[in-house]
C-alpha cells in the first residue's frame, strides 16, 4: 500500500530536518561570530575534555532513559517547557564558560532526552520499550552532522545502519541485565558510537560559548538553539519510525530515498 499524499509530505519534511542539520549556521547567525573563531579560543586539550563530558552526559541520559521515562499515550509534544529548562542550564554554562561544561552538559542532555521522548510519544512510540528508549538516545548521533558530512554514506539511513548492531546489542543487554554495569561492552560500544557524533554539536556549542562577552544571556540562547536542533531531528526521526510501523522498514526507506 503506497503512502498517501499527506504522508509523503510528512516524509519530505522529515527528510529535510534529518538531512539538513545546521546548528553551527544557526549559532553563527545568532551571535554574529563564525564558530571557527570560537574553536581558536578554546584551550589546549579541549577536545579530550569535550569527549569526556559527552560520554558522561550520554551515560547519564541512558540511565534516565532506562530507569525513569514514563509511557503516556500519544499526545502533542510540548517543546517550550524543555527549551526553557535547557536555556536556564545554558545561562549557567555561559556565565562560567568551558569549565562548567562537564556539569552543565549532563543536565542539558537529560532535559533534551526528556524532550526527545516527549516528541517520540507524540508519534506513537511506546517509551516503556527498551527499543524506543534507545531510539530516543540515538537522536544524539543522528543530529551530529558537520559541514564535512556531504558524502552519500552519511545519510540518515546509513547512520542508522552504522548504529544498528550496537543499538541491538545494547537493547538486548539492558533488557536482560539493566544498566547496573556501565562498563559492559555492549553499552560501551553504543555510548562510544553515539558520542563520536554527538561531540560535533557539543564542540560547536563550546566554541560559541568561548567567544568573549557571551555571558549568561547568550549561553541561554545557544542552549535554546542546541535543543531546537535536536527537537528538529527528533521530529524527523520519529515521523519516519511512525511510517515504518505502518508500511514496513523497506517500503519507507525506498520512498525516503526516492525523495529529492
Protein backbone atom coordinates (compact mmCIF):
# COMPACT_ATOMS: atom_id res chain seq x y z
CA UNK A 1 0.00 0.00 0.00
CA UNK A 2 1.59 3.30 -1.10
CA UNK A 3 1.97 6.30 1.19
CA UNK A 4 -0.82 8.86 0.96
CA UNK A 5 -0.04 12.33 -0.38
CA UNK A 6 -0.20 13.69 3.18
CA UNK A 7 2.24 11.04 4.41
CA UNK A 8 4.61 11.82 1.55
CA UNK A 9 4.56 15.45 2.65
CA UNK A 10 5.34 14.32 6.20
CA UNK A 11 8.23 12.19 4.92
CA UNK A 12 9.53 15.06 2.78
CA UNK A 13 9.58 17.37 5.80
CA UNK A 14 11.23 14.63 7.89
CA UNK A 15 13.97 14.18 5.29
CA UNK A 16 14.64 17.92 5.21
CA UNK A 17 15.01 18.01 9.01
CA UNK A 18 17.25 14.94 9.07
CA UNK A 19 19.49 15.73 6.11
CA UNK A 20 19.92 19.48 6.64
CA UNK A 21 21.07 19.98 10.23
CA UNK A 22 22.56 23.44 10.64
CA UNK A 23 23.39 24.03 14.30
CA UNK A 24 26.65 25.84 13.54
CA UNK A 25 24.96 28.11 11.00
CA UNK A 26 22.16 28.97 13.43
CA UNK A 27 24.61 29.79 16.22
CA UNK A 28 26.81 31.86 13.89
CA UNK A 29 23.77 33.80 12.70
CA UNK A 30 22.65 34.46 16.27
CA UNK A 31 25.94 35.62 17.79
CA UNK A 32 27.40 37.14 14.63
CA UNK A 33 30.71 35.29 15.02
CA UNK A 34 31.80 32.26 12.97
CA UNK A 35 32.16 29.08 15.03
CA UNK A 36 35.69 28.63 13.63
CA UNK A 37 36.84 31.71 15.58
CA UNK A 38 35.49 30.16 18.74
CA UNK A 39 37.49 26.98 18.13
CA UNK A 40 40.63 29.09 18.06
CA UNK A 41 39.88 30.43 21.55
CA UNK A 42 39.41 27.04 23.18
CA UNK A 43 42.26 25.97 25.47
CA UNK A 44 44.71 23.17 24.73
CA UNK A 45 43.26 19.75 25.37
CA UNK A 46 39.66 20.95 24.97
CA UNK A 47 38.77 18.05 22.64
CA UNK A 48 39.58 15.48 25.32
CA UNK A 49 37.53 17.45 27.84
CA UNK A 50 34.56 17.58 25.46
CA UNK A 51 34.80 13.85 24.69
CA UNK A 52 34.85 13.05 28.40
CA UNK A 53 31.92 15.38 29.12
CA UNK A 54 29.99 13.96 26.15
CA UNK A 55 30.35 10.34 27.28
CA UNK A 56 29.38 11.28 30.83
CA UNK A 57 26.32 13.14 29.53
CA UNK A 58 25.23 10.20 27.37
CA UNK A 59 25.64 7.70 30.20
CA UNK A 60 23.59 9.97 32.44
CA UNK A 61 20.93 10.25 29.73
CA UNK A 62 20.93 6.47 29.18
CA UNK A 63 20.28 5.88 32.89
CA UNK A 64 17.32 8.25 32.70
CA UNK A 65 16.09 6.55 29.53
CA UNK A 66 16.24 3.11 31.10
CA UNK A 67 15.01 3.97 34.55
CA UNK A 68 12.55 6.83 34.75
CA UNK A 69 10.78 7.67 31.49
CA UNK A 70 7.02 7.22 31.66
CA UNK A 71 4.86 5.69 28.94
CA UNK A 72 1.93 8.02 28.48
CA UNK A 73 -0.25 7.68 25.41
CA UNK A 74 0.36 9.77 22.31
CA UNK A 75 -0.33 13.47 22.77
CA UNK A 76 1.05 16.65 21.23
CA UNK A 77 4.59 17.31 22.43
CA UNK A 78 5.34 20.50 24.35
CA UNK A 79 8.89 21.57 23.45
CA UNK A 80 8.69 25.06 25.00
CA UNK A 81 8.99 23.77 28.58
CA UNK A 82 12.14 21.80 27.78
CA UNK A 83 13.60 24.77 25.89
CA UNK A 84 13.09 26.94 28.96
CA UNK A 85 14.86 24.43 31.22
CA UNK A 86 17.78 23.99 28.81
CA UNK A 87 18.06 27.77 28.42
CA UNK A 88 18.42 28.02 32.20
CA UNK A 89 21.25 25.47 32.25
CA UNK A 90 22.84 27.31 29.31
CA UNK A 91 22.74 30.57 31.25
CA UNK A 92 24.80 28.91 33.98
CA UNK A 93 27.20 27.45 31.42
CA UNK A 94 27.58 30.78 29.65
CA UNK A 95 28.35 32.53 32.92
CA UNK A 96 31.14 30.12 33.88
CA UNK A 97 32.48 29.17 30.45
CA UNK A 98 34.10 25.91 29.31
CA UNK A 99 34.92 24.63 32.84
CA UNK A 100 31.17 24.43 33.52
CA UNK A 101 30.57 22.17 30.51
CA UNK A 102 31.24 18.95 32.45
CA UNK A 103 28.47 19.89 34.89
CA UNK A 104 26.08 21.61 32.52
CA UNK A 105 26.15 19.11 29.62
CA UNK A 106 24.75 16.06 31.51
CA UNK A 107 21.92 18.27 32.79
CA UNK A 108 21.19 19.63 29.30
CA UNK A 109 21.41 16.16 27.72
CA UNK A 110 18.96 14.74 30.26
CA UNK A 111 16.47 17.56 29.67
CA UNK A 112 16.87 17.14 25.90
CA UNK A 113 16.27 13.40 26.22
CA UNK A 114 13.02 14.15 28.04
CA UNK A 115 12.03 16.44 25.17
CA UNK A 116 13.02 13.78 22.62
CA UNK A 117 10.88 11.21 24.47
CA UNK A 118 8.02 13.71 24.54
CA UNK A 119 8.22 14.01 20.75
CA UNK A 120 8.58 10.23 20.37
CA UNK A 121 5.39 9.64 22.37
CA UNK A 122 3.53 12.18 20.23
CA UNK A 123 4.41 9.97 17.24
CA UNK A 124 3.08 6.81 18.87
CA UNK A 125 6.27 5.35 20.39
CA UNK A 126 5.84 3.14 23.45
CA UNK A 127 8.51 4.55 25.75
CA UNK A 128 8.19 1.56 28.09
CA UNK A 129 10.02 -0.48 25.44
CA UNK A 130 13.82 -0.53 25.57
CA UNK A 131 13.98 -0.24 21.77
CA UNK A 132 12.02 3.03 21.83
CA UNK A 133 14.12 4.44 24.66
CA UNK A 134 17.34 3.71 22.81
CA UNK A 135 15.79 5.20 19.65
CA UNK A 136 15.47 8.39 21.71
CA UNK A 137 19.13 8.23 22.69
CA UNK A 138 20.03 7.56 19.05
CA UNK A 139 18.82 11.05 18.15
CA UNK A 140 22.02 12.48 19.69
CA UNK A 141 24.01 10.66 16.99
CA UNK A 142 21.61 11.49 14.16
CA UNK A 143 21.92 15.19 14.99
CA UNK A 144 25.72 15.15 14.94
CA UNK A 145 26.40 16.03 11.31
CA UNK A 146 29.01 18.60 10.36
CA UNK A 147 29.76 20.64 7.25
CA UNK A 148 32.19 17.92 6.11
CA UNK A 149 29.46 15.24 6.08
CA UNK A 150 28.42 15.72 2.47
CA UNK A 151 29.04 12.24 1.11
CA UNK A 152 26.17 9.85 0.47
CA UNK A 153 27.35 7.38 3.10
CA UNK A 154 26.45 9.81 5.91
CA UNK A 155 22.74 9.92 5.11
CA UNK A 156 20.02 9.20 7.67
CA UNK A 157 19.53 5.52 6.84
CA UNK A 158 23.28 4.97 6.54
CA UNK A 159 23.75 6.38 10.03
CA UNK A 160 21.02 4.11 11.38
CA UNK A 161 22.74 1.14 9.73
CA UNK A 162 26.05 2.20 11.27
CA UNK A 163 24.47 2.20 14.73
CA UNK A 164 22.17 -0.80 14.23
CA UNK A 165 24.35 -3.55 15.68
CA UNK A 166 25.38 -1.50 18.73
CA UNK A 167 21.75 -0.47 19.32
CA UNK A 168 20.56 -4.09 19.09
CA UNK A 169 23.29 -5.45 21.38
CA UNK A 170 22.75 -2.74 23.98
CA UNK A 171 18.96 -3.19 23.89
CA UNK A 172 19.29 -6.95 24.43
CA UNK A 173 21.81 -6.48 27.24
CA UNK A 174 19.74 -3.86 29.06
CA UNK A 175 16.57 -5.91 28.69
CA UNK A 176 18.28 -8.82 30.45
CA UNK A 177 20.57 -7.12 32.98
CA UNK A 178 19.58 -3.46 33.20
CA UNK A 179 22.07 -0.60 33.34
CA UNK A 180 23.90 -1.63 36.52
CA UNK A 181 27.14 -2.46 34.71
CA UNK A 182 28.19 0.73 32.94
CA UNK A 183 31.37 -0.93 31.68
CA UNK A 184 29.54 -3.73 29.87
CA UNK A 185 30.96 -3.99 26.31
CA UNK A 186 27.52 -3.66 24.66
CA UNK A 187 26.81 -0.40 26.50
CA UNK A 188 30.32 0.98 25.98
CA UNK A 189 30.11 0.35 22.22
CA UNK A 190 26.78 2.13 21.95
CA UNK A 191 27.89 5.14 24.02
CA UNK A 192 31.18 5.40 22.10
CA UNK A 193 29.46 5.40 18.71
CA UNK A 194 26.86 7.95 19.72
CA UNK A 195 29.47 10.11 21.48
CA UNK A 196 31.56 10.25 18.29
CA UNK A 197 28.66 12.01 16.55
CA UNK A 198 27.19 13.96 19.48
CA UNK A 199 30.57 15.53 20.27
CA UNK A 200 30.37 17.52 16.99
CA UNK A 201 27.47 19.80 18.05
CA UNK A 202 28.81 19.82 21.62
CA UNK A 203 32.11 21.18 20.27
CA UNK A 204 30.24 23.83 18.25
CA UNK A 205 28.31 24.83 21.36
CA UNK A 206 31.51 25.02 23.43
CA UNK A 207 33.25 27.09 20.75
CA UNK A 208 30.36 29.54 20.63
CA UNK A 209 30.34 29.91 24.41
CA UNK A 210 34.09 30.59 24.42
CA UNK A 211 33.61 33.82 22.47
CA UNK A 212 34.21 36.88 24.70
CA UNK A 213 31.16 38.62 26.19
CA UNK A 214 28.95 35.60 25.51
CA UNK A 215 27.86 35.52 29.13
CA UNK A 216 24.72 34.06 30.64
CA UNK A 217 22.23 35.54 28.15
CA UNK A 218 24.00 34.24 25.07
CA UNK A 219 24.67 30.93 26.83
CA UNK A 220 20.92 30.55 27.26
CA UNK A 221 20.37 31.49 23.61
CA UNK A 222 22.93 28.94 22.39
CA UNK A 223 21.40 26.20 24.51
CA UNK A 224 17.96 27.06 23.15
CA UNK A 225 19.27 26.57 19.62
CA UNK A 226 21.05 23.40 20.80
CA UNK A 227 17.80 21.78 21.96
CA UNK A 228 15.87 23.19 18.99
CA UNK A 229 18.33 21.38 16.71
CA UNK A 230 17.70 18.03 18.41
CA UNK A 231 13.95 18.60 18.57
CA UNK A 232 14.00 19.01 14.78
CA UNK A 233 16.00 15.79 14.39
CA UNK A 234 13.52 14.05 16.73
CA UNK A 235 10.54 15.20 14.67
CA UNK A 236 12.15 13.80 11.54
CA UNK A 237 13.33 10.54 13.12
CA UNK A 238 10.05 9.64 14.81
CA UNK A 239 7.97 10.64 11.79
CA UNK A 240 9.98 8.10 9.80
CA UNK A 241 9.64 5.44 12.50
CA UNK A 242 5.88 6.03 12.72
CA UNK A 243 5.55 5.45 8.97
CA UNK A 244 7.79 2.37 9.23
CA UNK A 245 5.45 0.84 11.78
CA UNK A 246 2.58 1.27 9.30
CA UNK A 247 4.25 0.39 5.99
CA UNK A 248 7.40 -1.52 6.96
CA UNK A 249 11.05 -0.51 7.08
CA UNK A 250 11.98 -1.26 3.45
CA UNK A 251 8.94 0.47 1.94
CA UNK A 252 9.55 3.70 3.84
CA UNK A 253 13.29 3.60 3.20
CA UNK A 254 12.63 3.24 -0.55
CA UNK A 255 10.14 6.14 -0.51
CA UNK A 256 12.59 8.27 1.54
CA UNK A 257 15.47 7.63 -0.85
CA UNK A 258 13.31 8.49 -3.87
CA UNK A 259 12.56 11.94 -2.48
CA UNK A 260 14.62 14.81 -3.93
